[in-house]
Amino acid sequence: MVENNIMDTASKEYSDYYLQKYAKWWRFLSPVEIPFKFFARCLCKGKTLDVGCGPGRYLSFLPDATGIDHNPEFIFYARRRGFKVFLSQEFDEDFDKSLQRFDTLLFSHILEHMEFQQACEFVKKYLPTLKPGGKVIIIVPDGISFKNDPSHRCYFDCNLIKKLASANSLHLQKAMYHPFPKYMSRWLVNDAAYKLSFQA
């Protein structure tokens, strides 16, 4: 039963599982996060909406970011850290998406928890919040990193990201790998990051 609940990213079992890995004292006292902070700030410009923000890892890197997540435990944790966050339902009910307030939409380590079609619809749902000329940033686990979480469902390689982009009238501008080159993701924990914009 617990294992099944871990597969549900909105459950307390999943937040407990994730925070056991993430909320390590040394992570906040050591320089291990510095390269990721630099990477995030290079990718995410201006006002950023972090969709699926979890406990706020990327919110801690970005000076002007708002986070949303469907897991109440993550929202509670992120609010205790002083971040501006909303439960997904709160955001959907109270936020006027037509205002197009955000320069960047960030989907970091969220789409791989969905099937492909669900991920396409999920991205589409938040596109109206993006300002004209804004960017969509998608970060997903690359290589062996995909196996790090039992709730991962869909492996997004570059070709699948292109299909997701096409389904949402987006254009893949750039693919990047961090903190290691792509070939090293066969042996080391690595991320793939994709920068998308609307089709001209």
N, C-alpha and C. Protein backbone atom coordinates (compact mmCIF):
# COMPACT_ATOMS: atom_id res chain seq x y z
N MET A 1 0.83 -1.21 0.00
CA MET A 1 0.00 0.00 0.00
C MET A 1 0.86 1.26 0.00
N VAL A 2 1.86 1.30 0.87
CA VAL A 2 2.74 2.46 0.94
C VAL A 2 3.44 2.67 -0.38
N GLU A 3 3.91 1.57 -0.98
CA GLU A 3 4.60 1.69 -2.26
C GLU A 3 3.68 2.28 -3.31
N ASN A 4 2.42 1.87 -3.33
CA ASN A 4 1.46 2.43 -4.28
C ASN A 4 1.24 3.90 -4.03
N ASN A 5 1.19 4.32 -2.77
CA ASN A 5 1.01 5.73 -2.45
C ASN A 5 2.21 6.56 -2.86
N ILE A 6 3.39 5.99 -2.82
CA ILE A 6 4.58 6.70 -3.29
C ILE A 6 4.45 7.03 -4.77
N MET A 7 3.75 6.18 -5.51
CA MET A 7 3.55 6.44 -6.93
C MET A 7 2.64 7.64 -7.17
N ASP A 8 1.88 8.03 -6.15
CA ASP A 8 0.99 9.19 -6.25
C ASP A 8 1.73 10.41 -5.71
N THR A 9 2.13 11.31 -6.61
CA THR A 9 2.98 12.44 -6.19
C THR A 9 2.23 13.47 -5.36
N ALA A 10 0.91 13.33 -5.23
CA ALA A 10 0.15 14.23 -4.36
C ALA A 10 0.04 13.70 -2.93
N SER A 11 0.54 12.50 -2.70
CA SER A 11 0.36 11.86 -1.39
C SER A 11 1.42 12.27 -0.38
N LYS A 12 1.08 12.12 0.89
CA LYS A 12 2.05 12.37 1.96
C LYS A 12 3.19 11.37 1.89
N GLU A 13 2.89 10.14 1.48
CA GLU A 13 3.95 9.12 1.36
C GLU A 13 5.00 9.55 0.35
N TYR A 14 4.54 10.16 -0.74
CA TYR A 14 5.52 10.61 -1.74
C TYR A 14 6.34 11.79 -1.21
N SER A 15 5.69 12.76 -0.57
CA SER A 15 6.44 13.91 -0.05
C SER A 15 7.43 13.47 1.01
N ASP A 16 7.05 12.51 1.86
CA ASP A 16 7.98 11.98 2.85
C ASP A 16 9.17 11.31 2.17
N TYR A 17 8.88 10.51 1.15
CA TYR A 17 9.93 9.83 0.40
C TYR A 17 10.88 10.83 -0.24
N TYR A 18 10.32 11.87 -0.87
CA TYR A 18 11.16 12.85 -1.56
C TYR A 18 11.97 13.70 -0.58
N LEU A 19 11.31 14.18 0.48
CA LEU A 19 12.01 15.03 1.43
C LEU A 19 13.10 14.30 2.19
N GLN A 20 12.95 13.00 2.34
CA GLN A 20 14.01 12.21 2.97
C GLN A 20 15.28 12.28 2.14
N LYS A 21 15.11 12.37 0.81
CA LYS A 21 16.26 12.48 -0.08
C LYS A 21 16.76 13.93 -0.18
N TYR A 22 15.80 14.87 -0.24
CA TYR A 22 16.14 16.26 -0.54
C TYR A 22 16.57 17.07 0.68
N ALA A 23 15.86 16.95 1.78
CA ALA A 23 16.06 17.84 2.93
C ALA A 23 17.22 17.36 3.81
N LYS A 24 18.39 17.30 3.23
CA LYS A 24 19.60 16.93 3.96
C LYS A 24 20.31 18.20 4.44
N TRP A 25 20.78 18.21 5.67
CA TRP A 25 21.41 19.41 6.22
C TRP A 25 22.60 19.85 5.39
N TRP A 26 23.38 18.90 4.86
CA TRP A 26 24.58 19.26 4.12
C TRP A 26 24.25 19.95 2.80
N ARG A 27 23.04 19.71 2.26
CA ARG A 27 22.67 20.35 1.00
C ARG A 27 22.58 21.86 1.16
N PHE A 28 22.15 22.30 2.34
CA PHE A 28 21.97 23.73 2.56
C PHE A 28 23.22 24.42 3.09
N LEU A 29 24.20 23.64 3.55
CA LEU A 29 25.42 24.23 4.09
C LEU A 29 26.63 24.08 3.18
N SER A 30 26.54 23.22 2.18
CA SER A 30 27.67 22.98 1.28
C SER A 30 27.44 23.69 -0.05
N PRO A 31 28.49 23.81 -0.87
CA PRO A 31 28.35 24.48 -2.17
C PRO A 31 27.77 23.60 -3.26
N VAL A 32 27.20 22.45 -2.91
CA VAL A 32 26.73 21.51 -3.92
C VAL A 32 25.65 22.10 -4.82
N GLU A 33 24.87 23.05 -4.31
CA GLU A 33 23.78 23.62 -5.09
C GLU A 33 24.21 24.78 -5.98
N ILE A 34 25.42 25.29 -5.80
CA ILE A 34 25.84 26.49 -6.54
C ILE A 34 25.77 26.31 -8.05
N PRO A 35 26.28 25.21 -8.63
CA PRO A 35 26.17 25.06 -10.09
C PRO A 35 24.72 25.01 -10.57
N PHE A 36 23.83 24.42 -9.77
CA PHE A 36 22.43 24.33 -10.15
C PHE A 36 21.76 25.71 -10.08
N LYS A 37 22.16 26.51 -9.10
CA LYS A 37 21.64 27.88 -8.98
C LYS A 37 22.05 28.70 -10.20
N PHE A 38 23.30 28.60 -10.60
CA PHE A 38 23.79 29.33 -11.77
C PHE A 38 23.04 28.88 -13.02
N PHE A 39 22.87 27.57 -13.16
CA PHE A 39 22.18 26.99 -14.31
C PHE A 39 20.74 27.48 -14.36
N ALA A 40 20.05 27.47 -13.21
CA ALA A 40 18.65 27.90 -13.16
C ALA A 40 18.51 29.37 -13.55
N ARG A 41 19.42 30.21 -13.08
CA ARG A 41 19.33 31.64 -13.37
C ARG A 41 19.67 31.95 -14.83
N CYS A 42 20.48 31.12 -15.44
CA CYS A 42 20.76 31.28 -16.87
C CYS A 42 19.54 30.92 -17.70
N LEU A 43 18.78 29.94 -17.24
CA LEU A 43 17.62 29.46 -17.99
C LEU A 43 16.38 30.31 -17.76
N CYS A 44 16.13 30.69 -16.52
CA CYS A 44 14.86 31.31 -16.13
C CYS A 44 15.05 32.81 -15.95
N LYS A 45 14.49 33.58 -16.86
CA LYS A 45 14.62 35.03 -16.83
C LYS A 45 13.31 35.68 -16.39
N GLY A 46 13.43 36.78 -15.64
CA GLY A 46 12.27 37.55 -15.24
C GLY A 46 11.37 36.80 -14.27
N LYS A 47 10.09 37.15 -14.31
CA LYS A 47 9.11 36.51 -13.42
C LYS A 47 8.88 35.08 -13.90
N THR A 48 9.05 34.15 -12.97
CA THR A 48 8.99 32.73 -13.31
C THR A 48 7.88 32.03 -12.54
N LEU A 49 7.13 31.20 -13.25
CA LEU A 49 6.15 30.32 -12.60
C LEU A 49 6.74 28.92 -12.61
N ASP A 50 7.04 28.41 -11.43
CA ASP A 50 7.60 27.07 -11.27
C ASP A 50 6.43 26.11 -11.06
N VAL A 51 6.08 25.40 -12.12
CA VAL A 51 4.93 24.50 -12.10
C VAL A 51 5.38 23.11 -11.62
N GLY A 52 4.86 22.70 -10.47
CA GLY A 52 5.35 21.47 -9.85
C GLY A 52 6.62 21.76 -9.07
N CYS A 53 6.53 22.78 -8.22
CA CYS A 53 7.73 23.31 -7.54
C CYS A 53 8.25 22.39 -6.44
N GLY A 54 7.44 21.39 -6.02
CA GLY A 54 7.90 20.53 -4.93
C GLY A 54 8.17 21.34 -3.68
N PRO A 55 9.23 21.01 -2.96
CA PRO A 55 9.53 21.73 -1.71
C PRO A 55 10.23 23.07 -1.94
N GLY A 56 10.48 23.42 -3.20
CA GLY A 56 11.01 24.76 -3.48
C GLY A 56 12.47 24.83 -3.87
N ARG A 57 13.02 23.75 -4.39
CA ARG A 57 14.44 23.78 -4.74
C ARG A 57 14.76 24.90 -5.72
N TYR A 58 14.02 24.96 -6.83
CA TYR A 58 14.31 26.00 -7.82
C TYR A 58 13.83 27.37 -7.37
N LEU A 59 12.83 27.42 -6.51
CA LEU A 59 12.41 28.70 -5.95
C LEU A 59 13.54 29.34 -5.16
N SER A 60 14.37 28.51 -4.54
CA SER A 60 15.49 29.04 -3.76
C SER A 60 16.58 29.63 -4.64
N PHE A 61 16.55 29.30 -5.94
CA PHE A 61 17.56 29.80 -6.87
C PHE A 61 17.14 31.08 -7.57
N LEU A 62 15.83 31.32 -7.65
CA LEU A 62 15.30 32.38 -8.51
C LEU A 62 14.75 33.53 -7.69
N PRO A 63 15.14 34.77 -8.00
CA PRO A 63 14.75 35.91 -7.17
C PRO A 63 13.30 36.34 -7.33
N ASP A 64 12.66 36.01 -8.45
CA ASP A 64 11.29 36.48 -8.70
C ASP A 64 10.45 35.32 -9.23
N ALA A 65 10.16 34.37 -8.35
CA ALA A 65 9.47 33.16 -8.77
C ALA A 65 8.27 32.87 -7.89
N THR A 66 7.25 32.28 -8.50
CA THR A 66 6.06 31.78 -7.83
C THR A 66 5.98 30.29 -8.10
N GLY A 67 5.63 29.53 -7.07
CA GLY A 67 5.55 28.09 -7.25
C GLY A 67 4.15 27.56 -7.05
N ILE A 68 3.83 26.48 -7.77
CA ILE A 68 2.57 25.77 -7.54
C ILE A 68 2.86 24.27 -7.52
N ASP A 69 2.09 23.55 -6.71
CA ASP A 69 2.25 22.10 -6.63
C ASP A 69 0.95 21.51 -6.11
N HIS A 70 0.68 20.25 -6.46
CA HIS A 70 -0.55 19.61 -6.00
C HIS A 70 -0.37 18.82 -4.71
N ASN A 71 0.86 18.83 -4.16
CA ASN A 71 1.10 18.10 -2.93
C ASN A 71 1.07 19.08 -1.74
N PRO A 72 0.08 18.96 -0.85
CA PRO A 72 -0.03 19.91 0.27
C PRO A 72 1.20 19.92 1.17
N GLU A 73 1.85 18.78 1.34
CA GLU A 73 3.04 18.73 2.21
C GLU A 73 4.17 19.56 1.63
N PHE A 74 4.35 19.51 0.32
CA PHE A 74 5.38 20.32 -0.32
C PHE A 74 5.07 21.80 -0.18
N ILE A 75 3.79 22.17 -0.33
CA ILE A 75 3.41 23.57 -0.19
C ILE A 75 3.66 24.06 1.23
N PHE A 76 3.32 23.25 2.21
CA PHE A 76 3.56 23.60 3.61
C PHE A 76 5.06 23.79 3.86
N TYR A 77 5.86 22.88 3.35
CA TYR A 77 7.31 22.95 3.51
C TYR A 77 7.87 24.21 2.85
N ALA A 78 7.42 24.50 1.61
CA ALA A 78 7.92 25.65 0.88
C ALA A 78 7.50 26.96 1.54
N ARG A 79 6.28 27.00 2.07
CA ARG A 79 5.83 28.22 2.75
C ARG A 79 6.63 28.47 4.02
N ARG A 80 6.98 27.42 4.72
CA ARG A 80 7.82 27.58 5.92
C ARG A 80 9.18 28.18 5.56
N ARG A 81 9.62 27.92 4.34
CA ARG A 81 10.89 28.48 3.89
C ARG A 81 10.74 29.90 3.34
N GLY A 82 9.52 30.41 3.32
CA GLY A 82 9.29 31.79 2.93
C GLY A 82 9.01 32.00 1.45
N PHE A 83 8.72 30.93 0.70
CA PHE A 83 8.49 31.06 -0.73
C PHE A 83 7.02 31.38 -1.02
N LYS A 84 6.80 32.03 -2.15
CA LYS A 84 5.45 32.35 -2.61
C LYS A 84 4.95 31.15 -3.40
N VAL A 85 4.06 30.38 -2.79
CA VAL A 85 3.59 29.13 -3.42
C VAL A 85 2.08 28.98 -3.23
N PHE A 86 1.49 28.21 -4.13
CA PHE A 86 0.06 27.94 -4.10
C PHE A 86 -0.17 26.46 -4.38
N LEU A 87 -1.18 25.90 -3.73
CA LEU A 87 -1.67 24.61 -4.17
C LEU A 87 -2.21 24.77 -5.60
N SER A 88 -2.07 23.74 -6.41
CA SER A 88 -2.54 23.83 -7.80
C SER A 88 -3.99 24.27 -7.87
N GLN A 89 -4.83 23.71 -6.98
CA GLN A 89 -6.25 24.07 -6.99
C GLN A 89 -6.46 25.54 -6.65
N GLU A 90 -5.69 26.05 -5.69
CA GLU A 90 -5.78 27.48 -5.34
C GLU A 90 -5.42 28.35 -6.54
N PHE A 91 -4.36 27.99 -7.20
CA PHE A 91 -3.91 28.76 -8.35
C PHE A 91 -4.95 28.72 -9.46
N ASP A 92 -5.48 27.55 -9.73
CA ASP A 92 -6.46 27.40 -10.81
C ASP A 92 -7.72 28.21 -10.53
N GLU A 93 -8.12 28.29 -9.25
CA GLU A 93 -9.36 28.98 -8.90
C GLU A 93 -9.19 30.49 -8.77
N ASP A 94 -8.03 30.94 -8.28
CA ASP A 94 -7.87 32.34 -7.89
C ASP A 94 -7.01 33.17 -8.82
N PHE A 95 -6.21 32.53 -9.67
CA PHE A 95 -5.27 33.29 -10.48
C PHE A 95 -5.85 33.54 -11.86
N ASP A 96 -5.85 34.80 -12.29
CA ASP A 96 -6.37 35.17 -13.61
C ASP A 96 -5.30 34.89 -14.66
N LYS A 97 -5.41 33.75 -15.33
CA LYS A 97 -4.38 33.33 -16.28
C LYS A 97 -4.31 34.25 -17.51
N SER A 98 -5.37 34.99 -17.77
CA SER A 98 -5.38 35.86 -18.94
C SER A 98 -4.45 37.06 -18.79
N LEU A 99 -3.95 37.29 -17.57
CA LEU A 99 -3.09 38.45 -17.34
C LEU A 99 -1.69 38.26 -17.91
N GLN A 100 -1.32 37.03 -18.25
CA GLN A 100 -0.02 36.75 -18.87
C GLN A 100 1.12 37.41 -18.08
N ARG A 101 1.28 37.02 -16.86
CA ARG A 101 2.21 37.71 -15.97
C ARG A 101 3.65 37.21 -16.03
N PHE A 102 3.89 36.04 -16.57
CA PHE A 102 5.19 35.41 -16.38
C PHE A 102 6.06 35.47 -17.64
N ASP A 103 7.34 35.70 -17.40
CA ASP A 103 8.33 35.69 -18.48
C ASP A 103 8.81 34.27 -18.79
N THR A 104 8.76 33.42 -17.76
CA THR A 104 9.24 32.04 -17.91
C THR A 104 8.29 31.08 -17.21
N LEU A 105 7.97 29.99 -17.90
CA LEU A 105 7.29 28.86 -17.27
C LEU A 105 8.32 27.76 -17.09
N LEU A 106 8.48 27.29 -15.87
CA LEU A 106 9.44 26.24 -15.56
C LEU A 106 8.71 24.96 -15.17
N PHE A 107 9.00 23.90 -15.91
CA PHE A 107 8.50 22.57 -15.57
C PHE A 107 9.72 21.72 -15.24
N SER A 108 10.10 21.70 -13.99
CA SER A 108 11.32 21.00 -13.58
C SER A 108 10.99 19.70 -12.87
N HIS A 109 11.40 18.59 -13.45
CA HIS A 109 11.21 17.27 -12.86
C HIS A 109 9.74 17.03 -12.49
N ILE A 110 8.87 17.32 -13.44
CA ILE A 110 7.44 17.11 -13.23
C ILE A 110 6.82 16.29 -14.35
N LEU A 111 7.21 16.54 -15.60
CA LEU A 111 6.54 15.89 -16.73
C LEU A 111 6.81 14.40 -16.79
N GLU A 112 7.96 13.97 -16.28
CA GLU A 112 8.28 12.54 -16.33
C GLU A 112 7.39 11.71 -15.41
N HIS A 113 6.63 12.38 -14.54
CA HIS A 113 5.69 11.68 -13.67
C HIS A 113 4.35 11.41 -14.37
N MET A 114 4.24 11.79 -15.65
CA MET A 114 2.98 11.67 -16.39
C MET A 114 3.19 10.84 -17.65
N GLU A 115 2.08 10.37 -18.20
CA GLU A 115 2.12 9.81 -19.54
C GLU A 115 2.23 10.97 -20.53
N PHE A 116 2.66 10.66 -21.75
CA PHE A 116 2.97 11.72 -22.72
C PHE A 116 1.79 12.65 -22.98
N GLN A 117 0.63 12.10 -23.27
CA GLN A 117 -0.51 12.95 -23.60
C GLN A 117 -0.92 13.83 -22.42
N GLN A 118 -0.83 13.28 -21.23
CA GLN A 118 -1.14 14.06 -20.02
C GLN A 118 -0.16 15.20 -19.87
N ALA A 119 1.11 14.95 -20.16
CA ALA A 119 2.14 16.00 -20.07
C ALA A 119 1.87 17.11 -21.08
N CYS A 120 1.45 16.74 -22.30
CA CYS A 120 1.11 17.75 -23.32
C CYS A 120 0.00 18.66 -22.83
N GLU A 121 -1.04 18.07 -22.26
CA GLU A 121 -2.17 18.84 -21.76
C GLU A 121 -1.78 19.69 -20.56
N PHE A 122 -0.88 19.16 -19.74
CA PHE A 122 -0.44 19.88 -18.55
C PHE A 122 0.32 21.15 -18.93
N VAL A 123 1.21 21.05 -19.90
CA VAL A 123 1.93 22.23 -20.38
C VAL A 123 0.96 23.24 -21.00
N LYS A 124 0.05 22.74 -21.83
CA LYS A 124 -0.93 23.60 -22.50
C LYS A 124 -1.75 24.40 -21.50
N LYS A 125 -2.08 23.80 -20.39
CA LYS A 125 -2.92 24.44 -19.37
C LYS A 125 -2.32 25.75 -18.86
N TYR A 126 -0.99 25.81 -18.78
CA TYR A 126 -0.35 26.98 -18.18
C TYR A 126 0.21 27.97 -19.19
N LEU A 127 0.15 27.65 -20.47
CA LEU A 127 0.68 28.56 -21.48
C LEU A 127 0.00 29.93 -21.48
N PRO A 128 -1.31 30.03 -21.17
CA PRO A 128 -1.92 31.36 -21.15
C PRO A 128 -1.33 32.30 -20.11
N THR A 129 -0.61 31.80 -19.14
CA THR A 129 0.00 32.67 -18.12
C THR A 129 1.30 33.31 -18.61
N LEU A 130 1.75 32.92 -19.78
CA LEU A 130 3.05 33.37 -20.28
C LEU A 130 2.91 34.68 -21.06
N LYS A 131 3.80 35.62 -20.81
CA LYS A 131 3.82 36.87 -21.56
C LYS A 131 4.22 36.61 -23.02
N PRO A 132 3.81 37.48 -23.94
CA PRO A 132 4.31 37.37 -25.32
C PRO A 132 5.84 37.41 -25.34
N GLY A 133 6.43 36.48 -26.07
CA GLY A 133 7.89 36.41 -26.10
C GLY A 133 8.49 35.65 -24.95
N GLY A 134 7.65 35.12 -24.05
CA GLY A 134 8.15 34.36 -22.91
C GLY A 134 8.67 33.00 -23.33
N LYS A 135 9.33 32.33 -22.40
CA LYS A 135 9.96 31.04 -22.68
C LYS A 135 9.40 29.95 -21.76
N VAL A 136 9.43 28.74 -22.28
CA VAL A 136 9.08 27.55 -21.51
C VAL A 136 10.36 26.75 -21.30
N ILE A 137 10.66 26.45 -20.04
CA ILE A 137 11.84 25.64 -19.71
C ILE A 137 11.37 24.32 -19.14
N ILE A 138 11.83 23.25 -19.74
CA ILE A 138 11.50 21.89 -19.28
C ILE A 138 12.79 21.20 -18.84
N ILE A 139 12.82 20.73 -17.61
CA ILE A 139 13.96 19.99 -17.09
C ILE A 139 13.48 18.60 -16.69
N VAL A 140 14.16 17.60 -17.22
CA VAL A 140 13.78 16.21 -16.95
C VAL A 140 15.03 15.39 -16.64
N PRO A 141 14.88 14.28 -15.95
CA PRO A 141 16.04 13.42 -15.68
C PRO A 141 16.54 12.79 -16.97
N ASP A 142 17.86 12.71 -17.09
CA ASP A 142 18.47 12.18 -18.30
C ASP A 142 19.22 10.89 -17.97
N GLY A 143 19.11 9.91 -18.84
CA GLY A 143 19.85 8.67 -18.64
C GLY A 143 19.42 7.92 -17.39
N ILE A 144 20.42 7.48 -16.61
CA ILE A 144 20.11 6.66 -15.43
C ILE A 144 19.34 7.43 -14.37
N SER A 145 19.31 8.76 -14.45
CA SER A 145 18.56 9.55 -13.47
C SER A 145 17.08 9.23 -13.50
N PHE A 146 16.60 8.77 -14.65
CA PHE A 146 15.18 8.43 -14.76
C PHE A 146 14.77 7.33 -13.79
N LYS A 147 15.73 6.48 -13.42
CA LYS A 147 15.44 5.35 -12.54
C LYS A 147 15.47 5.72 -11.06
N ASN A 148 15.74 7.00 -10.75
CA ASN A 148 15.91 7.42 -9.37
C ASN A 148 14.62 7.56 -8.57
N ASP A 149 13.47 7.51 -9.26
CA ASP A 149 12.20 7.75 -8.59
C ASP A 149 11.19 6.74 -9.11
N PRO A 150 10.56 5.97 -8.22
CA PRO A 150 9.62 4.93 -8.68
C PRO A 150 8.37 5.48 -9.35
N SER A 151 8.09 6.77 -9.19
CA SER A 151 6.87 7.34 -9.79
C SER A 151 7.10 7.87 -11.21
N HIS A 152 8.31 7.77 -11.72
CA HIS A 152 8.57 8.21 -13.09
C HIS A 152 7.86 7.28 -14.07
N ARG A 153 7.18 7.88 -15.06
CA ARG A 153 6.39 7.09 -16.01
C ARG A 153 6.90 7.20 -17.44
N CYS A 154 7.23 8.41 -17.87
CA CYS A 154 7.56 8.65 -19.28
C CYS A 154 8.95 9.25 -19.40
N TYR A 155 9.79 8.60 -20.21
CA TYR A 155 11.16 9.10 -20.41
C TYR A 155 11.17 10.10 -21.56
N PHE A 156 11.40 11.35 -21.25
CA PHE A 156 11.40 12.41 -22.25
C PHE A 156 12.81 12.62 -22.81
N ASP A 157 13.05 12.08 -24.00
CA ASP A 157 14.28 12.40 -24.70
C ASP A 157 13.99 13.59 -25.62
N CYS A 158 14.98 14.01 -26.39
CA CYS A 158 14.84 15.21 -27.21
C CYS A 158 13.72 15.05 -28.24
N ASN A 159 13.59 13.88 -28.82
CA ASN A 159 12.55 13.66 -29.83
C ASN A 159 11.15 13.79 -29.24
N LEU A 160 10.98 13.27 -28.03
CA LEU A 160 9.66 13.36 -27.40
C LEU A 160 9.35 14.80 -26.97
N ILE A 161 10.37 15.54 -26.56
CA ILE A 161 10.18 16.95 -26.24
C ILE A 161 9.75 17.72 -27.48
N LYS A 162 10.33 17.38 -28.63
CA LYS A 162 9.93 18.04 -29.88
C LYS A 162 8.47 17.76 -30.19
N LYS A 163 8.02 16.54 -29.94
CA LYS A 163 6.61 16.20 -30.17
C LYS A 163 5.71 16.98 -29.22
N LEU A 164 6.12 17.08 -27.96
CA LEU A 164 5.35 17.86 -26.99
C LEU A 164 5.30 19.32 -27.42
N ALA A 165 6.43 19.85 -27.88
CA ALA A 165 6.48 21.23 -28.33
C ALA A 165 5.54 21.45 -29.51
N SER A 166 5.59 20.56 -30.48
CA SER A 166 4.74 20.68 -31.67
C SER A 166 3.26 20.63 -31.30
N ALA A 167 2.90 19.80 -30.34
CA ALA A 167 1.51 19.67 -29.91
C ALA A 167 0.98 20.94 -29.27
N ASN A 168 1.91 21.82 -28.82
CA ASN A 168 1.52 23.05 -28.14
C ASN A 168 1.96 24.31 -28.89
N SER A 169 2.24 24.16 -30.19
CA SER A 169 2.68 25.29 -31.03
C SER A 169 3.93 25.96 -30.47
N LEU A 170 4.81 25.15 -29.91
CA LEU A 170 6.08 25.62 -29.37
C LEU A 170 7.23 25.14 -30.26
N HIS A 171 8.34 25.80 -30.13
CA HIS A 171 9.53 25.47 -30.91
C HIS A 171 10.69 25.21 -29.96
N LEU A 172 11.35 24.09 -30.13
CA LEU A 172 12.52 23.78 -29.30
C LEU A 172 13.70 24.60 -29.77
N GLN A 173 14.15 25.53 -28.94
CA GLN A 173 15.26 26.40 -29.30
C GLN A 173 16.62 25.80 -28.95
N LYS A 174 16.66 25.13 -27.80
CA LYS A 174 17.96 24.67 -27.33
C LYS A 174 17.79 23.50 -26.38
N ALA A 175 18.71 22.54 -26.46
CA ALA A 175 18.77 21.43 -25.51
C ALA A 175 20.11 21.49 -24.80
N MET A 176 20.09 21.37 -23.47
CA MET A 176 21.30 21.45 -22.66
C MET A 176 21.31 20.30 -21.66
N TYR A 177 22.50 19.97 -21.18
CA TYR A 177 22.64 18.88 -20.22
C TYR A 177 23.47 19.37 -19.04
N HIS A 178 23.05 18.95 -17.83
CA HIS A 178 23.66 19.50 -16.62
C HIS A 178 23.57 18.47 -15.49
N PRO A 179 24.59 18.35 -14.66
CA PRO A 179 25.86 19.08 -14.70
C PRO A 179 26.92 18.44 -15.60
N PHE A 180 26.56 17.37 -16.30
CA PHE A 180 27.55 16.67 -17.12
C PHE A 180 27.09 16.61 -18.58
N PRO A 181 28.01 16.40 -19.51
CA PRO A 181 27.60 16.19 -20.90
C PRO A 181 26.68 14.98 -21.02
N LYS A 182 25.90 14.95 -22.09
CA LYS A 182 24.88 13.91 -22.24
C LYS A 182 25.46 12.49 -22.16
N TYR A 183 26.61 12.26 -22.77
CA TYR A 183 27.13 10.89 -22.81
C TYR A 183 27.42 10.34 -21.42
N MET A 184 27.65 11.24 -20.45
CA MET A 184 27.96 10.79 -19.09
C MET A 184 26.71 10.38 -18.31
N SER A 185 25.53 10.68 -18.87
CA SER A 185 24.30 10.32 -18.17
C SER A 185 24.06 8.82 -18.16
N ARG A 186 24.87 8.09 -18.90
CA ARG A 186 24.79 6.62 -18.82
C ARG A 186 25.30 6.10 -17.49
N TRP A 187 26.16 6.92 -16.82
CA TRP A 187 26.76 6.46 -15.57
C TRP A 187 26.49 7.39 -14.39
N LEU A 188 26.21 8.68 -14.66
CA LEU A 188 26.09 9.67 -13.59
C LEU A 188 24.72 10.33 -13.60
N VAL A 189 24.29 10.79 -12.42
CA VAL A 189 23.02 11.51 -12.30
C VAL A 189 23.10 12.81 -13.09
N ASN A 190 22.16 13.01 -13.99
CA ASN A 190 22.24 14.13 -14.92
C ASN A 190 20.85 14.63 -15.27
N ASP A 191 20.75 15.90 -15.68
CA ASP A 191 19.49 16.49 -16.13
C ASP A 191 19.60 16.90 -17.59
N ALA A 192 18.47 16.86 -18.28
CA ALA A 192 18.36 17.46 -19.60
C ALA A 192 17.43 18.65 -19.48
N ALA A 193 17.82 19.79 -20.05
CA ALA A 193 17.01 21.00 -20.00
C ALA A 193 16.71 21.45 -21.42
N TYR A 194 15.45 21.83 -21.65
CA TYR A 194 15.00 22.23 -22.98
C TYR A 194 14.36 23.61 -22.92
N LYS A 195 14.79 24.48 -23.81
CA LYS A 195 14.26 25.83 -23.88
C LYS A 195 13.34 25.93 -25.10
N LEU A 196 12.06 26.30 -24.85
CA LEU A 196 11.06 26.35 -25.90
C LEU A 196 10.45 27.74 -25.99
N SER A 197 10.03 28.09 -27.19
CA SER A 197 9.32 29.36 -27.41
C SER A 197 8.18 29.11 -28.38
N PHE A 198 7.27 30.07 -28.51
CA PHE A 198 6.18 29.91 -29.44
C PHE A 198 6.68 29.96 -30.87
N GLN A 199 6.01 29.21 -31.73
CA GLN A 199 6.36 29.20 -33.15
C GLN A 199 6.19 30.60 -33.71
N ALA A 200 7.12 30.99 -34.58
CA ALA A 200 7.02 32.31 -35.21
C ALA A 200 5.86 32.33 -36.21
